[in-house]
Amino acid sequence: MAAGLLYFIFTPSKGLSGKGTTTLNVLSSYCVTEPGYYCGSYNLTSSGMISFTFVQNSTSAIYNVRFACNSTAGASGPSAFNWVSAQSLGYSQSSMQKGQLAMLSGLQCYNSSTQPFGGPTGALYAGFLLVNYTLSSGPPSSANPQYDAAFAALSIHVK
């Protein structure tokens, strides 16, 4: 996986007097992406709805773009996920060009393919953002196959 954003906090265990030891605490909210993708500005609500920015640099343009958020990435094929079109998440165009930023919101994260995630402020969700797309315009078909990618691993706290 490509390096994503990871935040560290150094905390003195006995104050700032210099007599204590310094420990490294890793905050567990991150979105680590596969090469060719970017995930940023992510936020998860208590009802399990995630907002995030997405950029793909893996190919030229992609079409029929859909996203899913699930606790597992290895489910049996694209029908196992609750796919939502990019247009339903606030993206107004029919394709995403290479390097184009998409600000997406309102994607439901699931604990499984059927159980929506939900939790109080501070609850941790661990899962994956997935993208499904074709490389040509027009409906998916044997001549215009769909591609899937679990493009980001998530560990995110409810805000």
N, C-alpha and C. Protein backbone atom coordinates (compact mmCIF):
# COMPACT_ATOMS: atom_id res chain seq x y z
N MET A 1 0.83 -1.18 0.00
CA MET A 1 0.00 0.00 0.00
C MET A 1 0.87 1.24 0.00
N ALA A 2 0.36 2.26 -0.61
CA ALA A 2 1.07 3.54 -0.61
C ALA A 2 0.94 4.19 0.75
N ALA A 3 1.85 5.04 1.05
CA ALA A 3 1.81 5.73 2.33
C ALA A 3 0.63 6.70 2.35
N GLY A 4 -0.16 6.63 3.38
CA GLY A 4 -1.28 7.54 3.57
C GLY A 4 -0.94 8.47 4.71
N LEU A 5 -1.93 9.13 5.23
CA LEU A 5 -1.71 10.04 6.34
C LEU A 5 -1.79 9.28 7.64
N LEU A 6 -0.85 9.46 8.50
CA LEU A 6 -0.85 8.84 9.80
C LEU A 6 -0.35 9.90 10.78
N TYR A 7 -1.08 10.11 11.84
CA TYR A 7 -0.75 11.15 12.78
C TYR A 7 -0.15 10.55 14.04
N PHE A 8 0.87 11.20 14.59
CA PHE A 8 1.52 10.75 15.80
C PHE A 8 1.48 11.87 16.83
N ILE A 9 1.35 11.48 18.08
CA ILE A 9 1.44 12.45 19.18
C ILE A 9 2.49 11.94 20.15
N PHE A 10 3.43 12.79 20.51
CA PHE A 10 4.41 12.45 21.52
C PHE A 10 3.90 12.98 22.85
N THR A 11 3.79 12.11 23.84
CA THR A 11 3.24 12.51 25.12
C THR A 11 4.22 12.19 26.24
N PRO A 12 4.65 13.19 26.97
CA PRO A 12 5.50 12.89 28.12
C PRO A 12 4.66 12.21 29.20
N SER A 13 5.15 11.12 29.77
CA SER A 13 4.37 10.41 30.77
C SER A 13 4.48 11.05 32.15
N LYS A 14 5.46 11.93 32.38
CA LYS A 14 5.62 12.57 33.69
C LYS A 14 5.76 14.08 33.51
N GLY A 15 5.02 14.66 32.64
CA GLY A 15 5.09 16.10 32.45
C GLY A 15 6.23 16.50 31.54
N LEU A 16 6.45 17.78 31.43
CA LEU A 16 7.46 18.32 30.53
C LEU A 16 8.77 18.64 31.24
N SER A 17 8.96 18.09 32.44
CA SER A 17 10.16 18.42 33.23
C SER A 17 11.42 17.80 32.67
N GLY A 18 11.28 16.85 31.74
CA GLY A 18 12.46 16.18 31.20
C GLY A 18 12.85 14.97 32.00
N LYS A 19 12.20 14.74 33.13
CA LYS A 19 12.54 13.59 33.97
C LYS A 19 11.69 12.36 33.61
N GLY A 20 10.68 12.56 32.82
CA GLY A 20 9.82 11.44 32.44
C GLY A 20 10.24 10.84 31.11
N THR A 21 9.59 9.81 30.73
CA THR A 21 9.86 9.21 29.43
C THR A 21 8.83 9.71 28.43
N THR A 22 9.19 9.73 27.20
CA THR A 22 8.28 10.15 26.14
C THR A 22 7.80 8.91 25.41
N THR A 23 6.49 8.80 25.25
CA THR A 23 5.91 7.66 24.55
C THR A 23 5.28 8.13 23.26
N LEU A 24 5.14 7.21 22.34
CA LEU A 24 4.55 7.51 21.05
C LEU A 24 3.15 6.91 21.01
N ASN A 25 2.14 7.75 20.85
CA ASN A 25 0.77 7.29 20.72
C ASN A 25 0.32 7.50 19.29
N VAL A 26 -0.20 6.48 18.69
CA VAL A 26 -0.69 6.59 17.32
C VAL A 26 -2.20 6.78 17.37
N LEU A 27 -2.65 7.90 16.85
CA LEU A 27 -4.09 8.09 16.73
C LEU A 27 -4.57 7.14 15.65
N SER A 28 -5.69 6.49 15.86
CA SER A 28 -6.05 5.41 14.97
C SER A 28 -7.00 5.81 13.84
N SER A 29 -7.10 7.06 13.50
CA SER A 29 -7.88 7.45 12.33
C SER A 29 -6.96 7.62 11.13
N TYR A 30 -7.18 6.83 10.10
CA TYR A 30 -6.38 6.94 8.90
C TYR A 30 -7.13 6.40 7.70
N CYS A 31 -6.68 6.78 6.53
CA CYS A 31 -7.18 6.27 5.26
C CYS A 31 -5.94 6.02 4.40
N VAL A 32 -5.51 4.78 4.32
CA VAL A 32 -4.30 4.41 3.59
C VAL A 32 -4.71 3.84 2.24
N THR A 33 -4.19 4.41 1.16
CA THR A 33 -4.65 4.04 -0.17
C THR A 33 -3.67 3.15 -0.93
N GLU A 34 -4.23 2.45 -1.90
CA GLU A 34 -3.44 1.68 -2.85
C GLU A 34 -2.79 2.66 -3.83
N PRO A 35 -1.71 2.27 -4.51
CA PRO A 35 -1.11 3.14 -5.52
C PRO A 35 -2.12 3.53 -6.60
N GLY A 36 -2.11 4.79 -6.98
CA GLY A 36 -3.03 5.26 -8.01
C GLY A 36 -4.30 5.90 -7.47
N TYR A 37 -4.47 5.90 -6.15
CA TYR A 37 -5.68 6.48 -5.55
C TYR A 37 -5.29 7.41 -4.40
N TYR A 38 -6.20 8.31 -4.07
CA TYR A 38 -6.01 9.21 -2.93
C TYR A 38 -7.32 9.32 -2.18
N CYS A 39 -7.24 9.31 -0.87
CA CYS A 39 -8.39 9.50 0.00
C CYS A 39 -7.99 10.53 1.03
N GLY A 40 -8.80 11.55 1.21
CA GLY A 40 -8.49 12.57 2.19
C GLY A 40 -9.74 13.23 2.72
N SER A 41 -9.58 14.13 3.66
CA SER A 41 -10.67 14.90 4.26
C SER A 41 -11.85 14.02 4.62
N TYR A 42 -11.58 12.90 5.27
CA TYR A 42 -12.64 11.95 5.59
C TYR A 42 -13.27 12.25 6.94
N ASN A 43 -14.55 11.94 7.05
CA ASN A 43 -15.32 12.17 8.26
C ASN A 43 -16.39 11.10 8.34
N LEU A 44 -16.61 10.54 9.52
CA LEU A 44 -17.62 9.51 9.73
C LEU A 44 -18.60 9.98 10.79
N THR A 45 -19.89 9.92 10.48
CA THR A 45 -20.92 10.32 11.44
C THR A 45 -21.35 9.13 12.30
N SER A 46 -22.09 9.41 13.36
CA SER A 46 -22.55 8.34 14.26
C SER A 46 -23.52 7.37 13.57
N SER A 47 -24.12 7.78 12.47
CA SER A 47 -25.01 6.88 11.73
C SER A 47 -24.25 6.08 10.67
N GLY A 48 -22.92 6.23 10.63
CA GLY A 48 -22.10 5.43 9.72
C GLY A 48 -21.96 6.01 8.33
N MET A 49 -22.30 7.27 8.15
CA MET A 49 -22.18 7.91 6.84
C MET A 49 -20.80 8.57 6.74
N ILE A 50 -20.06 8.23 5.68
CA ILE A 50 -18.72 8.78 5.50
C ILE A 50 -18.70 9.79 4.37
N SER A 51 -17.93 10.84 4.56
CA SER A 51 -17.63 11.83 3.53
C SER A 51 -16.13 11.79 3.31
N PHE A 52 -15.68 11.94 2.07
CA PHE A 52 -14.26 11.87 1.77
C PHE A 52 -13.98 12.48 0.40
N THR A 53 -12.72 12.84 0.17
CA THR A 53 -12.30 13.25 -1.16
C THR A 53 -11.62 12.05 -1.82
N PHE A 54 -11.77 11.96 -3.13
CA PHE A 54 -11.25 10.83 -3.90
C PHE A 54 -10.58 11.36 -5.15
N VAL A 55 -9.40 10.81 -5.44
CA VAL A 55 -8.71 11.09 -6.70
C VAL A 55 -8.17 9.77 -7.20
N GLN A 56 -8.34 9.52 -8.50
CA GLN A 56 -7.72 8.34 -9.09
C GLN A 56 -6.68 8.78 -10.11
N ASN A 57 -5.52 8.18 -10.00
CA ASN A 57 -4.43 8.43 -10.95
C ASN A 57 -3.98 7.11 -11.57
N SER A 58 -4.85 6.11 -11.53
CA SER A 58 -4.46 4.78 -11.98
C SER A 58 -4.65 4.56 -13.47
N THR A 59 -5.53 5.31 -14.09
CA THR A 59 -5.83 5.15 -15.50
C THR A 59 -6.26 6.50 -16.06
N SER A 60 -6.67 6.57 -17.30
CA SER A 60 -7.16 7.86 -17.82
C SER A 60 -8.51 8.15 -17.17
N ALA A 61 -9.57 8.20 -17.90
CA ALA A 61 -10.88 8.46 -17.32
C ALA A 61 -11.53 7.15 -16.90
N ILE A 62 -12.39 7.21 -15.86
CA ILE A 62 -13.20 6.07 -15.46
C ILE A 62 -14.66 6.47 -15.53
N TYR A 63 -15.52 5.50 -15.81
CA TYR A 63 -16.95 5.75 -16.03
C TYR A 63 -17.77 4.81 -15.16
N ASN A 64 -19.08 5.11 -15.05
CA ASN A 64 -19.99 4.27 -14.26
C ASN A 64 -19.42 4.03 -12.86
N VAL A 65 -18.94 5.09 -12.25
CA VAL A 65 -18.22 4.99 -10.99
C VAL A 65 -19.19 4.81 -9.82
N ARG A 66 -18.89 3.80 -9.02
CA ARG A 66 -19.68 3.52 -7.82
C ARG A 66 -18.73 3.26 -6.65
N PHE A 67 -19.21 3.53 -5.44
CA PHE A 67 -18.41 3.34 -4.24
C PHE A 67 -19.16 2.49 -3.24
N ALA A 68 -18.38 1.84 -2.36
CA ALA A 68 -18.94 1.09 -1.24
C ALA A 68 -17.98 1.24 -0.06
N CYS A 69 -18.52 1.05 1.13
CA CYS A 69 -17.74 1.10 2.36
C CYS A 69 -18.14 -0.12 3.17
N ASN A 70 -17.18 -1.02 3.41
CA ASN A 70 -17.52 -2.28 4.06
C ASN A 70 -16.38 -2.71 4.98
N SER A 71 -16.71 -3.50 5.98
CA SER A 71 -15.69 -3.97 6.92
C SER A 71 -14.80 -5.04 6.32
N THR A 72 -15.22 -5.64 5.19
CA THR A 72 -14.38 -6.62 4.51
C THR A 72 -14.22 -6.21 3.05
N ALA A 73 -13.06 -6.50 2.49
CA ALA A 73 -12.81 -6.18 1.09
C ALA A 73 -12.91 -7.42 0.22
N GLY A 74 -12.90 -8.60 0.84
CA GLY A 74 -12.84 -9.84 0.08
C GLY A 74 -14.17 -10.54 -0.09
N ALA A 75 -15.27 -9.81 -0.08
CA ALA A 75 -16.56 -10.45 -0.28
C ALA A 75 -16.64 -11.03 -1.69
N SER A 76 -17.62 -11.86 -1.92
CA SER A 76 -17.70 -12.60 -3.19
C SER A 76 -18.26 -11.75 -4.32
N GLY A 77 -17.41 -10.96 -4.94
CA GLY A 77 -17.79 -10.21 -6.14
C GLY A 77 -18.50 -8.91 -5.84
N PRO A 78 -18.68 -8.08 -6.89
CA PRO A 78 -19.25 -6.75 -6.70
C PRO A 78 -20.69 -6.76 -6.19
N SER A 79 -21.44 -7.83 -6.43
CA SER A 79 -22.83 -7.86 -5.96
C SER A 79 -22.92 -7.99 -4.45
N ALA A 80 -21.82 -8.33 -3.78
CA ALA A 80 -21.83 -8.49 -2.33
C ALA A 80 -21.79 -7.16 -1.59
N PHE A 81 -21.56 -6.06 -2.28
CA PHE A 81 -21.46 -4.76 -1.64
C PHE A 81 -22.67 -3.89 -1.97
N ASN A 82 -22.88 -2.89 -1.15
CA ASN A 82 -23.96 -1.92 -1.35
C ASN A 82 -23.37 -0.73 -2.11
N TRP A 83 -23.30 -0.85 -3.43
CA TRP A 83 -22.68 0.17 -4.27
C TRP A 83 -23.58 1.38 -4.40
N VAL A 84 -22.98 2.56 -4.39
CA VAL A 84 -23.69 3.82 -4.56
C VAL A 84 -22.96 4.61 -5.64
N SER A 85 -23.72 5.14 -6.59
CA SER A 85 -23.10 5.88 -7.69
C SER A 85 -22.45 7.17 -7.19
N ALA A 86 -21.42 7.59 -7.89
CA ALA A 86 -20.73 8.83 -7.54
C ALA A 86 -21.70 10.01 -7.61
N GLN A 87 -22.64 9.99 -8.56
CA GLN A 87 -23.63 11.07 -8.67
C GLN A 87 -24.52 11.13 -7.43
N SER A 88 -24.86 9.99 -6.85
CA SER A 88 -25.68 9.97 -5.63
C SER A 88 -24.91 10.50 -4.42
N LEU A 89 -23.60 10.56 -4.53
CA LEU A 89 -22.75 11.06 -3.44
C LEU A 89 -22.32 12.50 -3.66
N GLY A 90 -22.93 13.16 -4.65
CA GLY A 90 -22.67 14.58 -4.87
C GLY A 90 -21.72 14.90 -6.01
N TYR A 91 -21.29 13.91 -6.78
CA TYR A 91 -20.39 14.16 -7.91
C TYR A 91 -21.25 14.34 -9.15
N SER A 92 -21.13 15.46 -9.83
CA SER A 92 -22.09 15.82 -10.88
C SER A 92 -21.74 15.32 -12.29
N GLN A 93 -20.55 14.79 -12.51
CA GLN A 93 -20.16 14.42 -13.87
C GLN A 93 -20.31 12.91 -14.09
N SER A 94 -20.36 12.51 -15.35
CA SER A 94 -20.56 11.10 -15.68
C SER A 94 -19.26 10.31 -15.73
N SER A 95 -18.11 10.99 -15.70
CA SER A 95 -16.82 10.31 -15.67
C SER A 95 -15.89 11.05 -14.71
N MET A 96 -14.83 10.35 -14.31
CA MET A 96 -13.80 10.97 -13.48
C MET A 96 -12.49 10.90 -14.26
N GLN A 97 -11.95 12.07 -14.56
CA GLN A 97 -10.70 12.14 -15.30
C GLN A 97 -9.53 11.84 -14.35
N LYS A 98 -8.44 11.40 -14.91
CA LYS A 98 -7.24 11.15 -14.12
C LYS A 98 -6.83 12.43 -13.41
N GLY A 99 -6.61 12.34 -12.10
CA GLY A 99 -6.18 13.48 -11.31
C GLY A 99 -7.28 14.40 -10.85
N GLN A 100 -8.51 14.14 -11.24
CA GLN A 100 -9.62 15.01 -10.87
C GLN A 100 -10.09 14.72 -9.45
N LEU A 101 -10.28 15.76 -8.66
CA LEU A 101 -10.72 15.65 -7.27
C LEU A 101 -12.23 15.52 -7.21
N ALA A 102 -12.71 14.54 -6.47
CA ALA A 102 -14.15 14.37 -6.24
C ALA A 102 -14.41 14.44 -4.74
N MET A 103 -15.27 15.37 -4.33
CA MET A 103 -15.66 15.47 -2.93
C MET A 103 -16.99 14.75 -2.79
N LEU A 104 -16.98 13.64 -2.04
CA LEU A 104 -18.14 12.75 -1.95
C LEU A 104 -18.66 12.72 -0.52
N SER A 105 -19.98 12.63 -0.37
CA SER A 105 -20.55 12.57 0.98
C SER A 105 -21.81 11.73 0.99
N GLY A 106 -22.05 11.11 2.16
CA GLY A 106 -23.27 10.34 2.36
C GLY A 106 -23.17 8.87 2.02
N LEU A 107 -21.98 8.29 2.01
CA LEU A 107 -21.82 6.87 1.74
C LEU A 107 -21.95 6.10 3.05
N GLN A 108 -22.88 5.15 3.09
CA GLN A 108 -23.11 4.34 4.29
C GLN A 108 -22.01 3.29 4.42
N CYS A 109 -21.39 3.22 5.59
CA CYS A 109 -20.42 2.17 5.88
C CYS A 109 -21.14 1.00 6.54
N TYR A 110 -20.71 -0.21 6.22
CA TYR A 110 -21.35 -1.42 6.72
C TYR A 110 -20.37 -2.26 7.52
N ASN A 111 -20.90 -2.94 8.55
CA ASN A 111 -20.11 -3.92 9.31
C ASN A 111 -20.04 -5.24 8.55
N SER A 112 -21.02 -5.47 7.73
CA SER A 112 -21.08 -6.63 6.84
C SER A 112 -21.84 -6.14 5.62
N SER A 113 -22.15 -7.01 4.69
CA SER A 113 -22.86 -6.54 3.50
C SER A 113 -24.29 -6.12 3.81
N THR A 114 -24.81 -6.47 4.99
CA THR A 114 -26.21 -6.13 5.31
C THR A 114 -26.40 -5.29 6.56
N GLN A 115 -25.38 -5.15 7.41
CA GLN A 115 -25.54 -4.42 8.67
C GLN A 115 -24.85 -3.07 8.63
N PRO A 116 -25.63 -1.97 8.55
CA PRO A 116 -25.01 -0.64 8.56
C PRO A 116 -24.27 -0.38 9.87
N PHE A 117 -23.14 0.30 9.77
CA PHE A 117 -22.38 0.69 10.95
C PHE A 117 -23.07 1.87 11.60
N GLY A 118 -22.98 1.94 12.91
CA GLY A 118 -23.43 3.09 13.67
C GLY A 118 -22.75 3.05 15.03
N GLY A 119 -22.46 4.20 15.60
CA GLY A 119 -21.81 4.21 16.90
C GLY A 119 -21.73 5.61 17.46
N PRO A 120 -21.46 5.71 18.75
CA PRO A 120 -21.36 7.02 19.40
C PRO A 120 -20.07 7.73 19.01
N THR A 121 -19.98 8.99 19.36
CA THR A 121 -18.77 9.77 19.13
C THR A 121 -17.58 9.03 19.73
N GLY A 122 -16.53 8.90 18.96
CA GLY A 122 -15.32 8.21 19.42
C GLY A 122 -15.27 6.75 19.03
N ALA A 123 -16.40 6.16 18.62
CA ALA A 123 -16.40 4.75 18.21
C ALA A 123 -15.49 4.57 17.00
N LEU A 124 -14.83 3.43 16.92
CA LEU A 124 -13.89 3.16 15.85
C LEU A 124 -14.52 2.26 14.79
N TYR A 125 -14.39 2.65 13.53
CA TYR A 125 -14.81 1.81 12.40
C TYR A 125 -13.56 1.41 11.64
N ALA A 126 -13.40 0.13 11.38
CA ALA A 126 -12.28 -0.37 10.58
C ALA A 126 -12.86 -1.08 9.37
N GLY A 127 -12.45 -0.67 8.19
CA GLY A 127 -12.98 -1.28 6.98
C GLY A 127 -12.27 -0.78 5.75
N PHE A 128 -12.99 -0.79 4.64
CA PHE A 128 -12.41 -0.46 3.34
C PHE A 128 -13.33 0.43 2.54
N LEU A 129 -12.75 1.34 1.77
CA LEU A 129 -13.47 2.05 0.73
C LEU A 129 -13.19 1.31 -0.56
N LEU A 130 -14.24 1.05 -1.33
CA LEU A 130 -14.11 0.31 -2.58
C LEU A 130 -14.66 1.14 -3.72
N VAL A 131 -14.10 0.96 -4.90
CA VAL A 131 -14.58 1.65 -6.09
C VAL A 131 -14.83 0.60 -7.18
N ASN A 132 -15.88 0.82 -7.96
CA ASN A 132 -16.25 -0.04 -9.07
C ASN A 132 -16.44 0.88 -10.27
N TYR A 133 -15.89 0.51 -11.43
CA TYR A 133 -15.95 1.42 -12.58
C TYR A 133 -15.76 0.64 -13.88
N THR A 134 -16.01 1.32 -14.99
CA THR A 134 -15.68 0.81 -16.32
C THR A 134 -14.68 1.78 -16.96
N LEU A 135 -14.03 1.34 -18.02
CA LEU A 135 -13.03 2.20 -18.69
C LEU A 135 -13.60 2.90 -19.92
N SER A 136 -14.87 2.64 -20.24
CA SER A 136 -15.53 3.29 -21.38
C SER A 136 -16.91 3.76 -20.94
N SER A 137 -17.42 4.77 -21.64
CA SER A 137 -18.79 5.22 -21.34
C SER A 137 -19.76 4.16 -21.85
N GLY A 138 -20.98 4.26 -21.49
CA GLY A 138 -21.97 3.25 -21.86
C GLY A 138 -22.12 2.26 -20.72
N PRO A 139 -23.21 1.49 -20.77
CA PRO A 139 -23.47 0.57 -19.66
C PRO A 139 -22.43 -0.55 -19.58
N PRO A 140 -22.23 -1.07 -18.37
CA PRO A 140 -21.33 -2.21 -18.22
C PRO A 140 -21.83 -3.40 -19.04
N SER A 141 -20.89 -4.11 -19.65
CA SER A 141 -21.22 -5.28 -20.47
C SER A 141 -19.96 -6.12 -20.62
N SER A 142 -20.07 -7.21 -21.37
CA SER A 142 -18.87 -8.03 -21.60
C SER A 142 -17.83 -7.24 -22.40
N ALA A 143 -18.28 -6.31 -23.23
CA ALA A 143 -17.35 -5.47 -24.00
C ALA A 143 -16.86 -4.26 -23.18
N ASN A 144 -17.55 -3.95 -22.10
CA ASN A 144 -17.21 -2.82 -21.23
C ASN A 144 -17.25 -3.33 -19.78
N PRO A 145 -16.27 -4.16 -19.41
CA PRO A 145 -16.33 -4.82 -18.10
C PRO A 145 -16.15 -3.86 -16.94
N GLN A 146 -16.68 -4.29 -15.78
CA GLN A 146 -16.52 -3.54 -14.54
C GLN A 146 -15.24 -3.99 -13.84
N TYR A 147 -14.58 -3.03 -13.21
CA TYR A 147 -13.39 -3.30 -12.42
C TYR A 147 -13.67 -2.88 -10.99
N ASP A 148 -13.14 -3.62 -10.03
CA ASP A 148 -13.30 -3.33 -8.61
C ASP A 148 -11.92 -3.08 -8.01
N ALA A 149 -11.87 -2.22 -7.03
CA ALA A 149 -10.64 -2.02 -6.27
C ALA A 149 -11.00 -1.63 -4.84
N ALA A 150 -10.43 -2.32 -3.87
CA ALA A 150 -10.49 -1.88 -2.49
C ALA A 150 -9.37 -0.87 -2.38
N PHE A 151 -9.67 0.39 -2.69
CA PHE A 151 -8.60 1.37 -2.87
C PHE A 151 -8.09 1.96 -1.58
N ALA A 152 -8.80 1.78 -0.45
CA ALA A 152 -8.33 2.39 0.80
C ALA A 152 -8.73 1.54 2.00
N ALA A 153 -7.78 1.40 2.92
CA ALA A 153 -8.07 0.79 4.21
C ALA A 153 -8.36 1.92 5.20
N LEU A 154 -9.43 1.77 5.97
CA LEU A 154 -9.87 2.81 6.88
C LEU A 154 -9.76 2.36 8.34
N SER A 155 -9.40 3.25 9.16
CA SER A 155 -9.58 3.13 10.61
C SER A 155 -9.96 4.54 11.01
N ILE A 156 -11.22 4.73 11.37
CA ILE A 156 -11.71 6.09 11.56
C ILE A 156 -12.65 6.15 12.76
N HIS A 157 -12.49 7.23 13.52
CA HIS A 157 -13.34 7.44 14.70
C HIS A 157 -14.55 8.30 14.30
N VAL A 158 -15.70 7.96 14.88
CA VAL A 158 -16.91 8.76 14.69
C VAL A 158 -16.69 10.13 15.30
N LYS A 159 -17.08 11.17 14.54
CA LYS A 159 -16.98 12.55 15.06
C LYS A 159 -18.36 13.07 15.38
